[in-house]
Amino acid sequence: MAFTAGQQNSITTDDTEVEILGSPAASTQRIVRLINVYNADTVAATVTINFEDGSTERILVKATLAAGDSLQMSGPIVLANTDETLEAVLAVAATTTNLPVYVAYADIT
């Protein structure tokens, strides 16, 4: 069994879903240990983090962040199949700045 640490940085795209962590490769489990979203906009923003499994979307968390606030989720969240991803979406378009999203994970093979 091998563990490979990884991270992914993303930016929300207004009210369009953005993949913040892709699917693991075949025969791999992706273990998410941290998701951080920072509201870099000048006004409050509502962000939703979704788990997608190819056919079903599940809301993991939905939060309204004041300007300058952060949302931190700690895992584990397990992506075990090649069609499972994490996505982020804003409730409405950002006023001036979309929100950066950081995900820390490890792949187990």
PDB file of N, CA and C in Angstrom:
ATOM      1  N   MET A   1       0.856  -1.166   0.000  1.00  0.00           N
ATOM      2  CA  MET A   1       0.000   0.000   0.000  1.00  0.00           C
ATOM      3  C   MET A   1       0.905   1.233   0.000  1.00  0.00           C
ATOM      4  N   ALA A   2       0.606   2.176  -0.896  1.00  0.00           N
ATOM      5  CA  ALA A   2       1.389   3.404  -1.005  1.00  0.00           C
ATOM      6  C   ALA A   2       0.486   4.615  -0.805  1.00  0.00           C
ATOM      7  N   PHE A   3       1.012   5.627  -0.120  1.00  0.00           N
ATOM      8  CA  PHE A   3       0.303   6.882   0.107  1.00  0.00           C
ATOM      9  C   PHE A   3       1.033   7.984  -0.650  1.00  0.00           C
ATOM     10  N   THR A   4       0.287   8.764  -1.427  1.00  0.00           N
ATOM     11  CA  THR A   4       0.865   9.885  -2.158  1.00  0.00           C
ATOM     12  C   THR A   4       0.072  11.136  -1.816  1.00  0.00           C
ATOM     13  N   ALA A   5       0.715  12.091  -1.153  1.00  0.00           N
ATOM     14  CA  ALA A   5       0.043  13.338  -0.772  1.00  0.00           C
ATOM     15  C   ALA A   5      -0.138  14.229  -1.991  1.00  0.00           C
ATOM     16  N   GLY A   6      -1.219  15.009  -1.970  1.00  0.00           N
ATOM     17  CA  GLY A   6      -1.475  15.932  -3.067  1.00  0.00           C
ATOM     18  C   GLY A   6      -2.288  17.116  -2.598  1.00  0.00           C
ATOM     19  N   GLN A   7      -2.349  18.125  -3.452  1.00  0.00           N
ATOM     20  CA  GLN A   7      -3.175  19.296  -3.178  1.00  0.00           C
ATOM     21  C   GLN A   7      -3.681  19.843  -4.493  1.00  0.00           C
ATOM     22  N   GLN A   8      -4.809  20.527  -4.439  1.00  0.00           N
ATOM     23  CA  GLN A   8      -5.374  21.149  -5.623  1.00  0.00           C
ATOM     24  C   GLN A   8      -5.904  22.520  -5.240  1.00  0.00           C
ATOM     25  N   ASN A   9      -5.548  23.507  -6.036  1.00  0.00           N
ATOM     26  CA  ASN A   9      -6.032  24.878  -5.858  1.00  0.00           C
ATOM     27  C   ASN A   9      -6.999  25.189  -6.992  1.00  0.00           C
ATOM     28  N   SER A  10      -8.139  25.774  -6.655  1.00  0.00           N
ATOM     29  CA  SER A  10      -9.160  26.116  -7.638  1.00  0.00           C
ATOM     30  C   SER A  10      -9.706  27.501  -7.322  1.00  0.00           C
ATOM     31  N   ILE A  11     -10.479  28.013  -8.249  1.00  0.00           N
ATOM     32  CA  ILE A  11     -11.177  29.291  -8.065  1.00  0.00           C
ATOM     33  C   ILE A  11     -12.633  29.063  -8.466  1.00  0.00           C
ATOM     34  N   THR A  12     -13.575  29.509  -7.621  1.00  0.00           N
ATOM     35  CA  THR A  12     -14.980  29.401  -8.008  1.00  0.00           C
ATOM     36  C   THR A  12     -15.221  30.227  -9.268  1.00  0.00           C
ATOM     37  N   THR A  13     -16.227  29.845 -10.031  1.00  0.00           N
ATOM     38  CA  THR A  13     -16.578  30.565 -11.255  1.00  0.00           C
ATOM     39  C   THR A  13     -18.023  31.007 -11.139  1.00  0.00           C
ATOM     40  N   ASP A  14     -18.222  32.042 -10.327  1.00  0.00           N
ATOM     41  CA  ASP A  14     -19.559  32.594 -10.103  1.00  0.00           C
ATOM     42  C   ASP A  14     -20.527  31.492  -9.698  1.00  0.00           C
ATOM     43  N   ASP A  15     -21.703  31.437 -10.322  1.00  0.00           N
ATOM     44  CA  ASP A  15     -22.709  30.462  -9.914  1.00  0.00           C
ATOM     45  C   ASP A  15     -22.696  29.202 -10.790  1.00  0.00           C
ATOM     46  N   THR A  16     -21.513  28.858 -11.326  1.00  0.00           N
ATOM     47  CA  THR A  16     -21.312  27.638 -12.107  1.00  0.00           C
ATOM     48  C   THR A  16     -20.486  26.663 -11.284  1.00  0.00           C
ATOM     49  N   GLU A  17     -20.890  25.389 -11.242  1.00  0.00           N
ATOM     50  CA  GLU A  17     -20.136  24.391 -10.480  1.00  0.00           C
ATOM     51  C   GLU A  17     -18.724  24.255 -11.037  1.00  0.00           C
ATOM     52  N   VAL A  18     -17.746  24.176 -10.113  1.00  0.00           N
ATOM     53  CA  VAL A  18     -16.346  24.006 -10.472  1.00  0.00           C
ATOM     54  C   VAL A  18     -15.829  22.759  -9.768  1.00  0.00           C
ATOM     55  N   GLU A  19     -15.170  21.880 -10.511  1.00  0.00           N
ATOM     56  CA  GLU A  19     -14.572  20.695  -9.902  1.00  0.00           C
ATOM     57  C   GLU A  19     -13.365  21.137  -9.080  1.00  0.00           C
ATOM     58  N   ILE A  20     -13.425  20.895  -7.763  1.00  0.00           N
ATOM     59  CA  ILE A  20     -12.309  21.287  -6.900  1.00  0.00           C
ATOM     60  C   ILE A  20     -11.389  20.113  -6.587  1.00  0.00           C
ATOM     61  N   LEU A  21     -11.841  18.891  -6.888  1.00  0.00           N
ATOM     62  CA  LEU A  21     -10.981  17.721  -6.775  1.00  0.00           C
ATOM     63  C   LEU A  21     -11.515  16.647  -7.698  1.00  0.00           C
ATOM     64  N   GLY A  22     -10.646  16.192  -8.583  1.00  0.00           N
ATOM     65  CA  GLY A  22     -11.035  15.198  -9.570  1.00  0.00           C
ATOM     66  C   GLY A  22     -11.085  13.786  -9.003  1.00  0.00           C
ATOM     67  N   SER A  23     -11.537  12.887  -9.853  1.00  0.00           N
ATOM     68  CA  SER A  23     -11.684  11.481  -9.485  1.00  0.00           C
ATOM     69  C   SER A  23     -10.329  10.812  -9.314  1.00  0.00           C
ATOM     70  N   PRO A  24     -10.281   9.794  -8.457  1.00  0.00           N
ATOM     71  CA  PRO A  24      -9.055   9.014  -8.349  1.00  0.00           C
ATOM     72  C   PRO A  24      -8.919   8.083  -9.559  1.00  0.00           C
ATOM     73  N   ALA A  25      -7.704   7.624  -9.793  1.00  0.00           N
ATOM     74  CA  ALA A  25      -7.461   6.643 -10.851  1.00  0.00           C
ATOM     75  C   ALA A  25      -8.059   5.299 -10.434  1.00  0.00           C
ATOM     76  N   ALA A  26      -8.174   4.402 -11.384  1.00  0.00           N
ATOM     77  CA  ALA A  26      -8.656   3.056 -11.077  1.00  0.00           C
ATOM     78  C   ALA A  26      -7.740   2.422 -10.030  1.00  0.00           C
ATOM     79  N   SER A  27      -8.309   1.641  -9.149  1.00  0.00           N
ATOM     80  CA  SER A  27      -7.579   0.950  -8.066  1.00  0.00           C
ATOM     81  C   SER A  27      -6.945   1.914  -7.071  1.00  0.00           C
ATOM     82  N   THR A  28      -7.483   3.127  -6.975  1.00  0.00           N
ATOM     83  CA  THR A  28      -6.962   4.148  -6.061  1.00  0.00           C
ATOM     84  C   THR A  28      -8.109   4.723  -5.248  1.00  0.00           C
ATOM     85  N   GLN A  29      -7.849   4.979  -3.985  1.00  0.00           N
ATOM     86  CA  GLN A  29      -8.792   5.721  -3.155  1.00  0.00           C
ATOM     87  C   GLN A  29      -8.176   7.081  -2.862  1.00  0.00           C
ATOM     88  N   ARG A  30      -8.974   8.130  -2.969  1.00  0.00           N
ATOM     89  CA  ARG A  30      -8.518   9.487  -2.687  1.00  0.00           C
ATOM     90  C   ARG A  30      -9.146   9.910  -1.367  1.00  0.00           C
ATOM     91  N   ILE A  31      -8.310  10.190  -0.379  1.00  0.00           N
ATOM     92  CA  ILE A  31      -8.758  10.560   0.954  1.00  0.00           C
ATOM     93  C   ILE A  31      -8.547  12.069   1.132  1.00  0.00           C
ATOM     94  N   VAL A  32      -9.638  12.804   1.256  1.00  0.00           N
ATOM     95  CA  VAL A  32      -9.567  14.264   1.438  1.00  0.00           C
ATOM     96  C   VAL A  32      -9.431  14.543   2.924  1.00  0.00           C
ATOM     97  N   ARG A  33      -8.421  15.336   3.289  1.00  0.00           N
ATOM     98  CA  ARG A  33      -8.237  15.657   4.703  1.00  0.00           C
ATOM     99  C   ARG A  33      -8.565  17.100   5.025  1.00  0.00           C
ATOM    100  N   LEU A  34      -8.600  17.992   4.016  1.00  0.00           N
ATOM    101  CA  LEU A  34      -8.906  19.395   4.289  1.00  0.00           C
ATOM    102  C   LEU A  34      -9.454  20.071   3.041  1.00  0.00           C
ATOM    103  N   ILE A  35     -10.514  20.857   3.223  1.00  0.00           N
ATOM    104  CA  ILE A  35     -11.015  21.770   2.193  1.00  0.00           C
ATOM    105  C   ILE A  35     -11.084  23.146   2.829  1.00  0.00           C
ATOM    106  N   ASN A  36     -10.488  24.145   2.182  1.00  0.00           N
ATOM    107  CA  ASN A  36     -10.510  25.513   2.683  1.00  0.00           C
ATOM    108  C   ASN A  36     -11.031  26.433   1.576  1.00  0.00           C
ATOM    109  N   VAL A  37     -12.030  27.244   1.910  1.00  0.00           N
ATOM    110  CA  VAL A  37     -12.573  28.233   0.986  1.00  0.00           C
ATOM    111  C   VAL A  37     -12.431  29.595   1.655  1.00  0.00           C
ATOM    112  N   TYR A  38     -11.849  30.553   0.939  1.00  0.00           N
ATOM    113  CA  TYR A  38     -11.652  31.906   1.474  1.00  0.00           C
ATOM    114  C   TYR A  38     -12.504  32.880   0.663  1.00  0.00           C
ATOM    115  N   ASN A  39     -13.288  33.709   1.342  1.00  0.00           N
ATOM    116  CA  ASN A  39     -14.096  34.709   0.646  1.00  0.00           C
ATOM    117  C   ASN A  39     -13.247  35.949   0.386  1.00  0.00           C
ATOM    118  N   ALA A  40     -12.689  36.000  -0.808  1.00  0.00           N
ATOM    119  CA  ALA A  40     -11.862  37.132  -1.218  1.00  0.00           C
ATOM    120  C   ALA A  40     -12.692  38.257  -1.823  1.00  0.00           C
ATOM    121  N   ASP A  41     -14.009  38.074  -1.871  1.00  0.00           N
ATOM    122  CA  ASP A  41     -14.893  39.096  -2.434  1.00  0.00           C
ATOM    123  C   ASP A  41     -15.122  40.203  -1.404  1.00  0.00           C
ATOM    124  N   THR A  42     -15.783  41.273  -1.820  1.00  0.00           N
ATOM    125  CA  THR A  42     -16.023  42.426  -0.943  1.00  0.00           C
ATOM    126  C   THR A  42     -17.356  42.336  -0.199  1.00  0.00           C
ATOM    127  N   VAL A  43     -18.154  41.320  -0.515  1.00  0.00           N
ATOM    128  CA  VAL A  43     -19.456  41.122   0.127  1.00  0.00           C
ATOM    129  C   VAL A  43     -19.586  39.660   0.552  1.00  0.00           C
ATOM    130  N   ALA A  44     -20.607  39.358   1.345  1.00  0.00           N
ATOM    131  CA  ALA A  44     -20.854  37.978   1.769  1.00  0.00           C
ATOM    132  C   ALA A  44     -21.113  37.081   0.554  1.00  0.00           C
ATOM    133  N   ALA A  45     -20.700  35.818   0.677  1.00  0.00           N
ATOM    134  CA  ALA A  45     -20.902  34.851  -0.396  1.00  0.00           C
ATOM    135  C   ALA A  45     -21.357  33.528   0.204  1.00  0.00           C
ATOM    136  N   THR A  46     -22.336  32.906  -0.443  1.00  0.00           N
ATOM    137  CA  THR A  46     -22.794  31.582  -0.024  1.00  0.00           C
ATOM    138  C   THR A  46     -22.163  30.553  -0.954  1.00  0.00           C
ATOM    139  N   VAL A  47     -21.415  29.630  -0.367  1.00  0.00           N
ATOM    140  CA  VAL A  47     -20.722  28.595  -1.137  1.00  0.00           C
ATOM    141  C   VAL A  47     -21.250  27.225  -0.725  1.00  0.00           C
ATOM    142  N   THR A  48     -21.371  26.343  -1.698  1.00  0.00           N
ATOM    143  CA  THR A  48     -21.798  24.968  -1.458  1.00  0.00           C
ATOM    144  C   THR A  48     -20.704  24.030  -1.959  1.00  0.00           C
ATOM    145  N   ILE A  49     -20.332  23.051  -1.128  1.00  0.00           N
ATOM    146  CA  ILE A  49     -19.386  22.004  -1.516  1.00  0.00           C
ATOM    147  C   ILE A  49     -20.202  20.736  -1.732  1.00  0.00           C
ATOM    148  N   ASN A  50     -20.101  20.166  -2.935  1.00  0.00           N
ATOM    149  CA  ASN A  50     -20.867  18.984  -3.313  1.00  0.00           C
ATOM    150  C   ASN A  50     -19.963  17.775  -3.543  1.00  0.00           C
ATOM    151  N   PHE A  51     -20.487  16.602  -3.213  1.00  0.00           N
ATOM    152  CA  PHE A  51     -19.883  15.320  -3.573  1.00  0.00           C
ATOM    153  C   PHE A  51     -20.683  14.784  -4.749  1.00  0.00           C
ATOM    154  N   GLU A  52     -20.009  14.483  -5.849  1.00  0.00           N
ATOM    155  CA  GLU A  52     -20.671  13.951  -7.046  1.00  0.00           C
ATOM    156  C   GLU A  52     -20.185  12.526  -7.284  1.00  0.00           C
ATOM    157  N   ASP A  53     -21.115  11.613  -7.601  1.00  0.00           N
ATOM    158  CA  ASP A  53     -20.702  10.243  -7.896  1.00  0.00           C
ATOM    159  C   ASP A  53     -21.081   9.821  -9.312  1.00  0.00           C
ATOM    160  N   GLY A  54     -21.198  10.762 -10.198  1.00  0.00           N
ATOM    161  CA  GLY A  54     -21.531  10.463 -11.581  1.00  0.00           C
ATOM    162  C   GLY A  54     -23.013  10.582 -11.871  1.00  0.00           C
ATOM    163  N   SER A  55     -23.865  10.286 -10.886  1.00  0.00           N
ATOM    164  CA  SER A  55     -25.300  10.384 -11.118  1.00  0.00           C
ATOM    165  C   SER A  55     -26.031  11.121  -9.999  1.00  0.00           C
ATOM    166  N   THR A  56     -25.421  11.190  -8.817  1.00  0.00           N
ATOM    167  CA  THR A  56     -26.065  11.814  -7.670  1.00  0.00           C
ATOM    168  C   THR A  56     -25.172  12.895  -7.084  1.00  0.00           C
ATOM    169  N   GLU A  57     -25.777  14.022  -6.770  1.00  0.00           N
ATOM    170  CA  GLU A  57     -25.059  15.121  -6.125  1.00  0.00           C
ATOM    171  C   GLU A  57     -25.497  15.193  -4.674  1.00  0.00           C
ATOM    172  N   ARG A  58     -24.527  15.224  -3.763  1.00  0.00           N
ATOM    173  CA  ARG A  58     -24.828  15.332  -2.334  1.00  0.00           C
ATOM    174  C   ARG A  58     -24.160  16.585  -1.788  1.00  0.00           C
ATOM    175  N   ILE A  59     -24.910  17.393  -1.065  1.00  0.00           N
ATOM    176  CA  ILE A  59     -24.340  18.587  -0.448  1.00  0.00           C
ATOM    177  C   ILE A  59     -23.594  18.166   0.813  1.00  0.00           C
ATOM    178  N   LEU A  60     -22.310  18.483   0.875  1.00  0.00           N
ATOM    179  CA  LEU A  60     -21.521  18.226   2.079  1.00  0.00           C
ATOM    180  C   LEU A  60     -21.633  19.377   3.054  1.00  0.00           C
ATOM    181  N   VAL A  61     -21.603  20.598   2.543  1.00  0.00           N
ATOM    182  CA  VAL A  61     -21.735  21.781   3.390  1.00  0.00           C
ATOM    183  C   VAL A  61     -22.187  22.955   2.525  1.00  0.00           C
ATOM    184  N   LYS A  62     -22.994  23.812   3.135  1.00  0.00           N
ATOM    185  CA  LYS A  62     -23.417  25.065   2.499  1.00  0.00           C
ATOM    186  C   LYS A  62     -23.268  26.134   3.563  1.00  0.00           C
ATOM    187  N   ALA A  63     -22.511  27.178   3.251  1.00  0.00           N
ATOM    188  CA  ALA A  63     -22.232  28.203   4.259  1.00  0.00           C
ATOM    189  C   ALA A  63     -22.171  29.581   3.618  1.00  0.00           C
ATOM    190  N   THR A  64     -22.598  30.579   4.388  1.00  0.00           N
ATOM    191  CA  THR A  64     -22.460  31.967   3.972  1.00  0.00           C
ATOM    192  C   THR A  64     -21.260  32.555   4.688  1.00  0.00           C
ATOM    193  N   LEU A  65     -20.313  33.055   3.899  1.00  0.00           N
ATOM    194  CA  LEU A  65     -19.075  33.614   4.434  1.00  0.00           C
ATOM    195  C   LEU A  65     -19.074  35.126   4.266  1.00  0.00           C
ATOM    196  N   ALA A  66     -18.820  35.846   5.344  1.00  0.00           N
ATOM    197  CA  ALA A  66     -18.639  37.294   5.245  1.00  0.00           C
ATOM    198  C   ALA A  66     -17.348  37.564   4.475  1.00  0.00           C
ATOM    199  N   ALA A  67     -17.223  38.769   3.940  1.00  0.00           N
ATOM    200  CA  ALA A  67     -15.983  39.136   3.245  1.00  0.00           C
ATOM    201  C   ALA A  67     -14.800  38.916   4.185  1.00  0.00           C
ATOM    202  N   GLY A  68     -13.774  38.227   3.699  1.00  0.00           N
ATOM    203  CA  GLY A  68     -12.575  37.963   4.503  1.00  0.00           C
ATOM    204  C   GLY A  68     -12.658  36.719   5.367  1.00  0.00           C
ATOM    205  N   ASP A  69     -13.808  36.053   5.431  1.00  0.00           N
ATOM    206  CA  ASP A  69     -13.950  34.836   6.238  1.00  0.00           C
ATOM    207  C   ASP A  69     -13.562  33.593   5.442  1.00  0.00           C
ATOM    208  N   SER A  70     -13.276  32.515   6.175  1.00  0.00           N
ATOM    209  CA  SER A  70     -12.924  31.231   5.567  1.00  0.00           C
ATOM    210  C   SER A  70     -13.835  30.135   6.074  1.00  0.00           C
ATOM    211  N   LEU A  71     -13.995  29.116   5.264  1.00  0.00           N
ATOM    212  CA  LEU A  71     -14.669  27.882   5.644  1.00  0.00           C
ATOM    213  C   LEU A  71     -13.625  26.785   5.585  1.00  0.00           C
ATOM    214  N   GLN A  72     -13.491  26.021   6.668  1.00  0.00           N
ATOM    215  CA  GLN A  72     -12.584  24.882   6.671  1.00  0.00           C
ATOM    216  C   GLN A  72     -13.365  23.631   7.014  1.00  0.00           C
ATOM    217  N   MET A  73     -13.209  22.619   6.174  1.00  0.00           N
ATOM    218  CA  MET A  73     -13.796  21.293   6.405  1.00  0.00           C
ATOM    219  C   MET A  73     -12.654  20.317   6.548  1.00  0.00           C
ATOM    220  N   SER A  74     -12.696  19.518   7.602  1.00  0.00           N
ATOM    221  CA  SER A  74     -11.677  18.487   7.722  1.00  0.00           C
ATOM    222  C   SER A  74     -12.322  17.140   7.460  1.00  0.00           C
ATOM    223  N   GLY A  75     -11.536  16.248   6.894  1.00  0.00           N
ATOM    224  CA  GLY A  75     -12.034  14.940   6.487  1.00  0.00           C
ATOM    225  C   GLY A  75     -12.006  13.952   7.630  1.00  0.00           C
ATOM    226  N   PRO A  76     -12.083  12.710   7.307  1.00  0.00           N
ATOM    227  CA  PRO A  76     -11.858  12.249   5.932  1.00  0.00           C
ATOM    228  C   PRO A  76     -13.132  12.222   5.089  1.00  0.00           C
ATOM    229  N   ILE A  77     -12.937  12.519   3.822  1.00  0.00           N
ATOM    230  CA  ILE A  77     -13.937  12.309   2.783  1.00  0.00           C
ATOM    231  C   ILE A  77     -13.264  11.368   1.789  1.00  0.00           C
ATOM    232  N   VAL A  78     -13.912  10.281   1.445  1.00  0.00           N
ATOM    233  CA  VAL A  78     -13.292   9.268   0.599  1.00  0.00           C
ATOM    234  C   VAL A  78     -13.903   9.289  -0.798  1.00  0.00           C
ATOM    235  N   LEU A  79     -13.045   9.454  -1.800  1.00  0.00           N
ATOM    236  CA  LEU A  79     -13.437   9.277  -3.197  1.00  0.00           C
ATOM    237  C   LEU A  79     -12.874   7.915  -3.605  1.00  0.00           C
ATOM    238  N   ALA A  80     -13.755   6.929  -3.784  1.00  0.00           N
ATOM    239  CA  ALA A  80     -13.302   5.558  -3.998  1.00  0.00           C
ATOM    240  C   ALA A  80     -13.528   5.053  -5.417  1.00  0.00           C
ATOM    241  N   ASN A  81     -14.266   5.795  -6.223  1.00  0.00           N
ATOM    242  CA  ASN A  81     -14.569   5.354  -7.583  1.00  0.00           C
ATOM    243  C   ASN A  81     -14.143   6.404  -8.598  1.00  0.00           C
ATOM    244  N   THR A  82     -13.940   5.966  -9.826  1.00  0.00           N
ATOM    245  CA  THR A  82     -13.423   6.862 -10.859  1.00  0.00           C
ATOM    246  C   THR A  82     -14.429   7.899 -11.341  1.00  0.00           C
ATOM    247  N   ASP A  83     -15.662   7.867 -10.827  1.00  0.00           N
ATOM    248  CA  ASP A  83     -16.644   8.890 -11.208  1.00  0.00           C
ATOM    249  C   ASP A  83     -16.980   9.825 -10.049  1.00  0.00           C
ATOM    250  N   GLU A  84     -16.239   9.747  -8.952  1.00  0.00           N
ATOM    251  CA  GLU A  84     -16.523  10.583  -7.777  1.00  0.00           C
ATOM    252  C   GLU A  84     -15.618  11.816  -7.766  1.00  0.00           C
ATOM    253  N   THR A  85     -16.235  12.991  -7.582  1.00  0.00           N
ATOM    254  CA  THR A  85     -15.503  14.252  -7.552  1.00  0.00           C
ATOM    255  C   THR A  85     -16.081  15.147  -6.462  1.00  0.00           C
ATOM    256  N   LEU A  86     -15.375  16.228  -6.165  1.00  0.00           N
ATOM    257  CA  LEU A  86     -15.877  17.289  -5.303  1.00  0.00           C
ATOM    258  C   LEU A  86     -16.024  18.548  -6.143  1.00  0.00           C
ATOM    259  N   GLU A  87     -17.103  19.295  -5.894  1.00  0.00           N
ATOM    260  CA  GLU A  87     -17.365  20.521  -6.632  1.00  0.00           C
ATOM    261  C   GLU A  87     -17.741  21.638  -5.680  1.00  0.00           C
ATOM    262  N   ALA A  88     -17.503  22.868  -6.109  1.00  0.00           N
ATOM    263  CA  ALA A  88     -17.902  24.056  -5.356  1.00  0.00           C
ATOM    264  C   ALA A  88     -18.720  24.951  -6.273  1.00  0.00           C
ATOM    265  N   VAL A  89     -19.702  25.635  -5.676  1.00  0.00           N
ATOM    266  CA  VAL A  89     -20.522  26.560  -6.451  1.00  0.00           C
ATOM    267  C   VAL A  89     -20.987  27.685  -5.528  1.00  0.00           C
ATOM    268  N   LEU A  90     -21.056  28.894  -6.070  1.00  0.00           N
ATOM    269  CA  LEU A  90     -21.597  30.044  -5.332  1.00  0.00           C
ATOM    270  C   LEU A  90     -23.085  30.162  -5.609  1.00  0.00           C
ATOM    271  N   ALA A  91     -23.834  30.699  -4.651  1.00  0.00           N
ATOM    272  CA  ALA A  91     -25.277  30.878  -4.818  1.00  0.00           C
ATOM    273  C   ALA A  91     -25.580  31.911  -5.905  1.00  0.00           C
ATOM    274  N   VAL A  92     -24.775  32.948  -5.983  1.00  0.00           N
ATOM    275  CA  VAL A  92     -24.908  33.994  -7.010  1.00  0.00           C
ATOM    276  C   VAL A  92     -23.514  34.369  -7.487  1.00  0.00           C
ATOM    277  N   ALA A  93     -23.447  35.069  -8.588  1.00  0.00           N
ATOM    278  CA  ALA A  93     -22.153  35.491  -9.126  1.00  0.00           C
ATOM    279  C   ALA A  93     -21.411  36.376  -8.123  1.00  0.00           C
ATOM    280  N   ALA A  94     -20.098  36.238  -8.083  1.00  0.00           N
ATOM    281  CA  ALA A  94     -19.279  37.064  -7.205  1.00  0.00           C
ATOM    282  C   ALA A  94     -19.376  38.526  -7.636  1.00  0.00           C
ATOM    283  N   THR A  95     -19.283  39.433  -6.664  1.00  0.00           N
ATOM    284  CA  THR A  95     -19.357  40.860  -6.968  1.00  0.00           C
ATOM    285  C   THR A  95     -18.083  41.340  -7.664  1.00  0.00           C
ATOM    286  N   THR A  96     -16.933  41.033  -7.075  1.00  0.00           N
ATOM    287  CA  THR A  96     -15.669  41.467  -7.668  1.00  0.00           C
ATOM    288  C   THR A  96     -14.649  40.344  -7.817  1.00  0.00           C
ATOM    289  N   THR A  97     -14.606  39.404  -6.875  1.00  0.00           N
ATOM    290  CA  THR A  97     -13.561  38.388  -6.854  1.00  0.00           C
ATOM    291  C   THR A  97     -14.151  37.019  -6.538  1.00  0.00           C
ATOM    292  N   ASN A  98     -13.863  36.028  -7.378  1.00  0.00           N
ATOM    293  CA  ASN A  98     -14.284  34.665  -7.077  1.00  0.00           C
ATOM    294  C   ASN A  98     -13.436  34.107  -5.945  1.00  0.00           C
ATOM    295  N   LEU A  99     -13.915  33.039  -5.319  1.00  0.00           N
ATOM    296  CA  LEU A  99     -13.307  32.517  -4.097  1.00  0.00           C
ATOM    297  C   LEU A  99     -12.279  31.432  -4.385  1.00  0.00           C
ATOM    298  N   PRO A 100     -11.072  31.562  -3.804  1.00  0.00           N
ATOM    299  CA  PRO A 100     -10.094  30.488  -3.948  1.00  0.00           C
ATOM    300  C   PRO A 100     -10.455  29.310  -3.044  1.00  0.00           C
ATOM    301  N   VAL A 101     -10.201  28.098  -3.557  1.00  0.00           N
ATOM    302  CA  VAL A 101     -10.498  26.862  -2.836  1.00  0.00           C
ATOM    303  C   VAL A 101      -9.229  26.019  -2.824  1.00  0.00           C
ATOM    304  N   TYR A 102      -8.857  25.501  -1.656  1.00  0.00           N
ATOM    305  CA  TYR A 102      -7.680  24.648  -1.490  1.00  0.00           C
ATOM    306  C   TYR A 102      -8.136  23.301  -0.949  1.00  0.00           C
ATOM    307  N   VAL A 103      -7.658  22.213  -1.552  1.00  0.00           N
ATOM    308  CA  VAL A 103      -7.993  20.865  -1.111  1.00  0.00           C
ATOM    309  C   VAL A 103      -6.704  20.086  -0.900  1.00  0.00           C
ATOM    310  N   ALA A 104      -6.542  19.493   0.292  1.00  0.00           N
ATOM    311  CA  ALA A 104      -5.410  18.619   0.594  1.00  0.00           C
ATOM    312  C   ALA A 104      -5.927  17.194   0.674  1.00  0.00           C
ATOM    313  N   TYR A 105      -5.198  16.261   0.056  1.00  0.00           N
ATOM    314  CA  TYR A 105      -5.657  14.877   0.005  1.00  0.00           C
ATOM    315  C   TYR A 105      -4.469  13.923  -0.083  1.00  0.00           C
ATOM    316  N   ALA A 106      -4.765  12.645  -0.005  1.00  0.00           N
ATOM    317  CA  ALA A 106      -3.760  11.603  -0.220  1.00  0.00           C
ATOM    318  C   ALA A 106      -4.388  10.512  -1.064  1.00  0.00           C
ATOM    319  N   ASP A 107      -3.617  10.008  -2.017  1.00  0.00           N
ATOM    320  CA  ASP A 107      -4.054   8.864  -2.812  1.00  0.00           C
ATOM    321  C   ASP A 107      -3.459   7.602  -2.196  1.00  0.00           C
ATOM    322  N   ILE A 108      -4.287   6.581  -2.085  1.00  0.00           N
ATOM    323  CA  ILE A 108      -3.847   5.278  -1.562  1.00  0.00           C
ATOM    324  C   ILE A 108      -3.971   4.263  -2.687  1.00  0.00           C
ATOM    325  N   THR A 109      -2.861   3.622  -2.995  1.00  0.00           N
ATOM    326  CA  THR A 109      -2.866   2.598  -4.056  1.00  0.00           C
ATOM    327  C   THR A 109      -2.381   1.287  -3.502  1.00  0.00           C
TER     328      THR A 109
END
